[in-house]
Amino acid sequence: AMTWGQTLLSNIGHIGLSGASHDIGGFAWIFTGIAIIGTINALNMLDGVDGQATAVSLIALLTMLYLATRAHLAPEAMVMLLLSSAI
């Protein structure tokens, strides 16, 4: 995701009362890796409850499918449709 997909969390947004956006610079690789592992771990914890991981994944994929179609992103919408149909 970080190398091939060229996806990095390099900005953590507005934190605090200052309203300033915070760039994390060189820590983007580490922060992105921790975020990916944390997301996978959270979904894995939901897998212990019967069907809850499937339901959460399906809701997330259908939401992204809706947003991709509204933004006219056909390739991304097709991927979301295929993944949600596989679930």
C-alpha atoms as a PDB file:
ATOM      1  CA  ALA A   1       0.000   0.000   0.000  1.00  0.00           C
ATOM      2  CA  MET A   2       2.785   2.397   0.820  1.00  0.00           C
ATOM      3  CA  THR A   3       5.150   1.589  -2.033  1.00  0.00           C
ATOM      4  CA  TRP A   4       3.059   0.190  -4.878  1.00  0.00           C
ATOM      5  CA  GLY A   5      -0.102   2.139  -4.106  1.00  0.00           C
ATOM      6  CA  GLN A   6       1.861   5.285  -3.276  1.00  0.00           C
ATOM      7  CA  THR A   7      -0.338   5.903  -0.248  1.00  0.00           C
ATOM      8  CA  LEU A   8       1.181   7.669   2.756  1.00  0.00           C
ATOM      9  CA  LEU A   9      -0.434   9.430   5.684  1.00  0.00           C
ATOM     10  CA  SER A  10       1.779  12.492   5.608  1.00  0.00           C
ATOM     11  CA  ASN A  11      -0.654  14.949   7.187  1.00  0.00           C
ATOM     12  CA  ILE A  12      -2.575  14.233  10.386  1.00  0.00           C
ATOM     13  CA  GLY A  13      -4.864  17.221   9.973  1.00  0.00           C
ATOM     14  CA  HIS A  14      -5.903  19.795  12.515  1.00  0.00           C
ATOM     15  CA  ILE A  15      -5.102  18.857  16.106  1.00  0.00           C
ATOM     16  CA  GLY A  16      -5.658  21.187  18.999  1.00  0.00           C
ATOM     17  CA  LEU A  17      -7.089  24.667  19.097  1.00  0.00           C
ATOM     18  CA  SER A  18      -4.541  26.314  16.799  1.00  0.00           C
ATOM     19  CA  GLY A  19      -6.289  25.124  13.626  1.00  0.00           C
ATOM     20  CA  ALA A  20      -2.939  24.487  11.964  1.00  0.00           C
ATOM     21  CA  SER A  21      -2.416  21.422   9.815  1.00  0.00           C
ATOM     22  CA  HIS A  22       0.383  19.128  10.992  1.00  0.00           C
ATOM     23  CA  ASP A  23       2.732  17.445   8.528  1.00  0.00           C
ATOM     24  CA  ILE A  24       4.682  14.484   9.912  1.00  0.00           C
ATOM     25  CA  GLY A  25       7.397  14.476   7.247  1.00  0.00           C
ATOM     26  CA  GLY A  26       9.827  11.568   7.538  1.00  0.00           C
ATOM     27  CA  PHE A  27       7.610   9.719  10.013  1.00  0.00           C
ATOM     28  CA  ALA A  28       4.945   9.228   7.322  1.00  0.00           C
ATOM     29  CA  TRP A  29       6.222   5.717   6.494  1.00  0.00           C
ATOM     30  CA  ILE A  30       6.174   4.627  10.132  1.00  0.00           C
ATOM     31  CA  PHE A  31       2.818   6.264  10.862  1.00  0.00           C
ATOM     32  CA  THR A  32       1.231   4.723   7.760  1.00  0.00           C
ATOM     33  CA  GLY A  33       2.553   1.272   8.662  1.00  0.00           C
ATOM     34  CA  ILE A  34       1.166   1.555  12.195  1.00  0.00           C
ATOM     35  CA  ALA A  35      -2.199   2.740  10.827  1.00  0.00           C
ATOM     36  CA  ILE A  36      -2.423  -0.199   8.402  1.00  0.00           C
ATOM     37  CA  ILE A  37      -1.465  -2.732  11.067  1.00  0.00           C
ATOM     38  CA  GLY A  38      -3.915  -1.139  13.523  1.00  0.00           C
ATOM     39  CA  THR A  39      -6.756  -1.334  11.012  1.00  0.00           C
ATOM     40  CA  ILE A  40      -6.006  -4.972  10.225  1.00  0.00           C
ATOM     41  CA  ASN A  41      -5.811  -5.772  13.943  1.00  0.00           C
ATOM     42  CA  ALA A  42      -9.134  -4.033  14.669  1.00  0.00           C
ATOM     43  CA  LEU A  43     -10.862  -5.987  11.899  1.00  0.00           C
ATOM     44  CA  ASN A  44      -9.249  -9.201  13.149  1.00  0.00           C
ATOM     45  CA  MET A  45     -10.650  -8.557  16.641  1.00  0.00           C
ATOM     46  CA  LEU A  46     -14.130  -8.203  15.143  1.00  0.00           C
ATOM     47  CA  ASP A  47     -13.741 -11.601  13.516  1.00  0.00           C
ATOM     48  CA  GLY A  48     -14.258 -13.305  16.877  1.00  0.00           C
ATOM     49  CA  VAL A  49     -17.894 -12.201  16.869  1.00  0.00           C
ATOM     50  CA  ASP A  50     -19.950 -14.252  14.390  1.00  0.00           C
ATOM     51  CA  GLY A  51     -20.335 -12.319  11.156  1.00  0.00           C
ATOM     52  CA  GLN A  52     -19.491  -8.900  12.546  1.00  0.00           C
ATOM     53  CA  ALA A  53     -16.248  -8.522  10.582  1.00  0.00           C
ATOM     54  CA  THR A  54     -18.120  -9.378   7.398  1.00  0.00           C
ATOM     55  CA  ALA A  55     -20.864  -6.859   8.130  1.00  0.00           C
ATOM     56  CA  VAL A  56     -18.407  -4.080   8.976  1.00  0.00           C
ATOM     57  CA  SER A  57     -16.359  -4.796   5.847  1.00  0.00           C
ATOM     58  CA  LEU A  58     -19.446  -4.886   3.656  1.00  0.00           C
ATOM     59  CA  ILE A  59     -20.759  -1.590   5.034  1.00  0.00           C
ATOM     60  CA  ALA A  60     -17.351   0.051   4.506  1.00  0.00           C
ATOM     61  CA  LEU A  61     -17.072  -1.269   0.932  1.00  0.00           C
ATOM     62  CA  LEU A  62     -20.609  -0.223   0.012  1.00  0.00           C
ATOM     63  CA  THR A  63     -19.975   3.246   1.429  1.00  0.00           C
ATOM     64  CA  MET A  64     -16.777   3.557  -0.623  1.00  0.00           C
ATOM     65  CA  LEU A  65     -18.676   2.240  -3.663  1.00  0.00           C
ATOM     66  CA  TYR A  66     -21.298   4.949  -3.222  1.00  0.00           C
ATOM     67  CA  LEU A  67     -18.652   7.662  -2.827  1.00  0.00           C
ATOM     68  CA  ALA A  68     -16.684   6.409  -5.848  1.00  0.00           C
ATOM     69  CA  THR A  69     -19.781   6.447  -8.059  1.00  0.00           C
ATOM     70  CA  ARG A  70     -20.685   9.952  -6.875  1.00  0.00           C
ATOM     71  CA  ALA A  71     -17.139  11.105  -7.713  1.00  0.00           C
ATOM     72  CA  HIS A  72     -17.296   9.395 -11.152  1.00  0.00           C
ATOM     73  CA  LEU A  73     -14.360   7.101 -10.347  1.00  0.00           C
ATOM     74  CA  ALA A  74     -15.328   4.060 -12.403  1.00  0.00           C
ATOM     75  CA  PRO A  75     -12.235   1.845 -11.842  1.00  0.00           C
ATOM     76  CA  GLU A  76     -12.367   2.355  -8.069  1.00  0.00           C
ATOM     77  CA  ALA A  77     -16.119   1.728  -8.040  1.00  0.00           C
ATOM     78  CA  MET A  78     -15.605  -1.513  -9.953  1.00  0.00           C
ATOM     79  CA  VAL A  79     -13.040  -2.715  -7.399  1.00  0.00           C
ATOM     80  CA  MET A  80     -15.419  -1.906  -4.521  1.00  0.00           C
ATOM     81  CA  LEU A  81     -18.267  -3.685  -6.308  1.00  0.00           C
ATOM     82  CA  LEU A  82     -16.146  -6.791  -6.909  1.00  0.00           C
ATOM     83  CA  LEU A  83     -14.882  -6.886  -3.333  1.00  0.00           C
ATOM     84  CA  SER A  84     -18.356  -6.402  -1.853  1.00  0.00           C
ATOM     85  CA  SER A  85     -19.798  -9.116  -4.084  1.00  0.00           C
ATOM     86  CA  ALA A  86     -17.016 -11.464  -2.973  1.00  0.00           C
ATOM     87  CA  ILE A  87     -18.007 -10.916   0.641  1.00  0.00           C
END
